[in-house]
Amino acid sequence: MDELKYEPVSHNHKAFLKNAQKRKGFSKAYNDLEEEYTLVREMLSARSKSGLTQEAVAELMGTTKSAVSRLESAGKHAPSLTTLKKYAQAVGCHLKIKFIPKSGSAKHTTGCVKQRAG
């Protein structure tokens, strides 16, 4: 059997967003899922750079192609930290998670460390 080679499909995200912004309610729905879309873009970028197919990532993770496909779909699935670590390892990356303080947030913070100028 011939070995499958990953060939990414061309996608102009900026053009897609510009066109989609015209639809009623799109901007709010998109903004509500900002973190999910960011995660998916990072995952797809990492997989693309590794040159792996979803099938190859699934094999390395010990799961199925459909499970990897769900992981790479924003808003449909909330993966566990363990799953994200397995995905990162499969595509040859380290997982890094950080909390970033909201700009103009109140003095009361919950675990976010604010850097002080000085």
C-alpha atoms as a PDB file:
ATOM      1  CA  MET A   1       0.000   0.000   0.000  1.00  0.00           C
ATOM      2  CA  ASP A   2       1.278   3.465  -0.845  1.00  0.00           C
ATOM      3  CA  GLU A   3       2.203   5.622   2.134  1.00  0.00           C
ATOM      4  CA  LEU A   4      -0.078   8.621   2.653  1.00  0.00           C
ATOM      5  CA  LYS A   5       1.587  12.009   2.520  1.00  0.00           C
ATOM      6  CA  TYR A   6       0.086  15.012   4.264  1.00  0.00           C
ATOM      7  CA  GLU A   7      -0.762  17.798   1.832  1.00  0.00           C
ATOM      8  CA  PRO A   8      -2.485  20.737   3.546  1.00  0.00           C
ATOM      9  CA  VAL A   9      -5.469  22.342   1.853  1.00  0.00           C
ATOM     10  CA  SER A  10      -4.982  26.010   1.053  1.00  0.00           C
ATOM     11  CA  HIS A  11      -7.058  28.264   3.306  1.00  0.00           C
ATOM     12  CA  ASN A  12      -7.024  32.050   3.524  1.00  0.00           C
ATOM     13  CA  HIS A  13      -8.273  32.618   7.070  1.00  0.00           C
ATOM     14  CA  LYS A  14      -8.390  36.416   6.781  1.00  0.00           C
ATOM     15  CA  ALA A  15     -10.528  36.249   3.630  1.00  0.00           C
ATOM     16  CA  PHE A  16     -12.787  33.665   5.275  1.00  0.00           C
ATOM     17  CA  LEU A  17     -13.294  35.890   8.332  1.00  0.00           C
ATOM     18  CA  LYS A  18     -13.927  38.987   6.215  1.00  0.00           C
ATOM     19  CA  ASN A  19     -16.666  37.186   4.315  1.00  0.00           C
ATOM     20  CA  ALA A  20     -18.115  35.502   7.411  1.00  0.00           C
ATOM     21  CA  GLN A  21     -18.331  38.829   9.326  1.00  0.00           C
ATOM     22  CA  LYS A  22     -21.200  39.751   6.992  1.00  0.00           C
ATOM     23  CA  ARG A  23     -23.418  37.073   8.526  1.00  0.00           C
ATOM     24  CA  LYS A  24     -25.671  38.118  11.394  1.00  0.00           C
ATOM     25  CA  GLY A  25     -24.407  36.896  14.771  1.00  0.00           C
ATOM     26  CA  PHE A  26     -21.115  35.563  13.407  1.00  0.00           C
ATOM     27  CA  SER A  27     -18.855  38.048  15.215  1.00  0.00           C
ATOM     28  CA  LYS A  28     -20.323  37.296  18.650  1.00  0.00           C
ATOM     29  CA  ALA A  29     -20.239  33.538  18.103  1.00  0.00           C
ATOM     30  CA  TYR A  30     -16.657  33.694  16.812  1.00  0.00           C
ATOM     31  CA  ASN A  31     -15.493  35.892  19.695  1.00  0.00           C
ATOM     32  CA  ASP A  32     -17.168  33.582  22.222  1.00  0.00           C
ATOM     33  CA  LEU A  33     -15.000  30.746  20.872  1.00  0.00           C
ATOM     34  CA  GLU A  34     -11.765  32.744  20.536  1.00  0.00           C
ATOM     35  CA  GLU A  35      -9.687  30.468  22.790  1.00  0.00           C
ATOM     36  CA  GLU A  36     -10.976  27.323  21.078  1.00  0.00           C
ATOM     37  CA  TYR A  37     -10.157  28.693  17.617  1.00  0.00           C
ATOM     38  CA  THR A  38      -6.699  29.748  18.789  1.00  0.00           C
ATOM     39  CA  LEU A  39      -6.059  26.248  20.155  1.00  0.00           C
ATOM     40  CA  VAL A  40      -7.227  24.622  16.925  1.00  0.00           C
ATOM     41  CA  ARG A  41      -5.010  26.916  14.804  1.00  0.00           C
ATOM     42  CA  GLU A  42      -2.022  26.012  17.006  1.00  0.00           C
ATOM     43  CA  MET A  43      -2.784  22.296  16.728  1.00  0.00           C
ATOM     44  CA  LEU A  44      -3.197  22.402  12.947  1.00  0.00           C
ATOM     45  CA  SER A  45      -0.030  24.450  12.571  1.00  0.00           C
ATOM     46  CA  ALA A  46       1.967  22.007  14.710  1.00  0.00           C
ATOM     47  CA  ARG A  47       0.634  19.003  12.786  1.00  0.00           C
ATOM     48  CA  SER A  48       1.351  20.708   9.465  1.00  0.00           C
ATOM     49  CA  LYS A  49       4.938  21.484  10.512  1.00  0.00           C
ATOM     50  CA  SER A  50       5.429  17.891  11.620  1.00  0.00           C
ATOM     51  CA  GLY A  51       4.218  16.631   8.235  1.00  0.00           C
ATOM     52  CA  LEU A  52       1.886  14.117   9.853  1.00  0.00           C
ATOM     53  CA  THR A  53      -1.595  13.070   8.776  1.00  0.00           C
ATOM     54  CA  GLN A  54      -4.457  12.725  11.233  1.00  0.00           C
ATOM     55  CA  GLU A  55      -4.057   8.966  10.861  1.00  0.00           C
ATOM     56  CA  ALA A  56      -0.387   9.151  11.850  1.00  0.00           C
ATOM     57  CA  VAL A  57      -1.123  11.385  14.859  1.00  0.00           C
ATOM     58  CA  ALA A  58      -3.908   9.016  15.914  1.00  0.00           C
ATOM     59  CA  GLU A  59      -1.542   6.035  15.770  1.00  0.00           C
ATOM     60  CA  LEU A  60       1.070   7.867  17.846  1.00  0.00           C
ATOM     61  CA  MET A  61      -1.592   8.858  20.394  1.00  0.00           C
ATOM     62  CA  GLY A  62      -3.131   5.389  20.523  1.00  0.00           C
ATOM     63  CA  THR A  63      -6.511   6.612  19.288  1.00  0.00           C
ATOM     64  CA  THR A  64      -8.539   6.886  16.083  1.00  0.00           C
ATOM     65  CA  LYS A  65      -8.446   9.345  13.181  1.00  0.00           C
ATOM     66  CA  SER A  66     -11.994  10.449  14.037  1.00  0.00           C
ATOM     67  CA  ALA A  67     -10.874  11.289  17.592  1.00  0.00           C
ATOM     68  CA  VAL A  68      -8.039  13.449  16.203  1.00  0.00           C
ATOM     69  CA  SER A  69     -10.496  15.082  13.812  1.00  0.00           C
ATOM     70  CA  ARG A  70     -12.754  15.981  16.768  1.00  0.00           C
ATOM     71  CA  LEU A  71      -9.745  17.415  18.641  1.00  0.00           C
ATOM     72  CA  GLU A  72      -9.005  19.653  15.669  1.00  0.00           C
ATOM     73  CA  SER A  73     -12.587  21.004  15.525  1.00  0.00           C
ATOM     74  CA  ALA A  74     -13.293  24.150  17.551  1.00  0.00           C
ATOM     75  CA  GLY A  75     -16.286  24.235  19.831  1.00  0.00           C
ATOM     76  CA  LYS A  76     -17.276  20.598  19.451  1.00  0.00           C
ATOM     77  CA  HIS A  77     -15.047  19.022  22.057  1.00  0.00           C
ATOM     78  CA  ALA A  78     -13.228  20.124  25.201  1.00  0.00           C
ATOM     79  CA  PRO A  79     -10.075  17.995  25.303  1.00  0.00           C
ATOM     80  CA  SER A  80      -8.461  17.096  28.602  1.00  0.00           C
ATOM     81  CA  LEU A  81      -4.980  18.284  29.509  1.00  0.00           C
ATOM     82  CA  THR A  82      -3.775  14.686  29.188  1.00  0.00           C
ATOM     83  CA  THR A  83      -5.140  14.486  25.634  1.00  0.00           C
ATOM     84  CA  LEU A  84      -3.514  17.795  24.681  1.00  0.00           C
ATOM     85  CA  LYS A  85      -0.193  16.527  26.058  1.00  0.00           C
ATOM     86  CA  LYS A  86      -0.483  13.343  23.977  1.00  0.00           C
ATOM     87  CA  TYR A  87      -1.278  15.375  20.866  1.00  0.00           C
ATOM     88  CA  ALA A  88       1.669  17.701  21.476  1.00  0.00           C
ATOM     89  CA  GLN A  89       4.018  14.756  21.946  1.00  0.00           C
ATOM     90  CA  ALA A  90       2.689  13.072  18.792  1.00  0.00           C
ATOM     91  CA  VAL A  91       3.439  16.162  16.666  1.00  0.00           C
ATOM     92  CA  GLY A  92       6.851  16.676  18.279  1.00  0.00           C
ATOM     93  CA  CYS A  93       5.970  19.622  20.517  1.00  0.00           C
ATOM     94  CA  HIS A  94       5.803  20.605  24.176  1.00  0.00           C
ATOM     95  CA  LEU A  95       2.510  21.897  25.544  1.00  0.00           C
ATOM     96  CA  LYS A  96       2.689  25.316  27.210  1.00  0.00           C
ATOM     97  CA  ILE A  97      -0.294  26.885  28.968  1.00  0.00           C
ATOM     98  CA  LYS A  98      -0.305  30.321  30.561  1.00  0.00           C
ATOM     99  CA  PHE A  99      -2.718  32.726  32.192  1.00  0.00           C
ATOM    100  CA  ILE A 100      -2.588  36.290  30.929  1.00  0.00           C
ATOM    101  CA  PRO A 101      -4.100  39.080  33.051  1.00  0.00           C
ATOM    102  CA  LYS A 102      -6.923  40.969  31.407  1.00  0.00           C
ATOM    103  CA  SER A 103      -6.014  44.546  30.622  1.00  0.00           C
ATOM    104  CA  GLY A 104      -7.610  47.000  33.023  1.00  0.00           C
ATOM    105  CA  SER A 105      -8.585  44.249  35.437  1.00  0.00           C
ATOM    106  CA  ALA A 106      -9.419  45.093  39.032  1.00  0.00           C
ATOM    107  CA  LYS A 107      -6.857  44.855  41.840  1.00  0.00           C
ATOM    108  CA  HIS A 108      -8.307  41.511  42.891  1.00  0.00           C
ATOM    109  CA  THR A 109      -6.658  38.780  40.830  1.00  0.00           C
ATOM    110  CA  THR A 110      -7.159  35.066  40.982  1.00  0.00           C
ATOM    111  CA  GLY A 111      -3.800  33.505  40.340  1.00  0.00           C
ATOM    112  CA  CYS A 112      -2.630  35.804  37.545  1.00  0.00           C
ATOM    113  CA  VAL A 113       0.718  37.375  38.238  1.00  0.00           C
ATOM    114  CA  LYS A 114       0.997  40.970  37.133  1.00  0.00           C
ATOM    115  CA  GLN A 115       4.408  42.158  36.118  1.00  0.00           C
ATOM    116  CA  ARG A 116       5.487  45.438  37.650  1.00  0.00           C
ATOM    117  CA  ALA A 117       7.605  47.995  35.932  1.00  0.00           C
ATOM    118  CA  GLY A 118      10.547  48.888  37.896  1.00  0.00           C
END
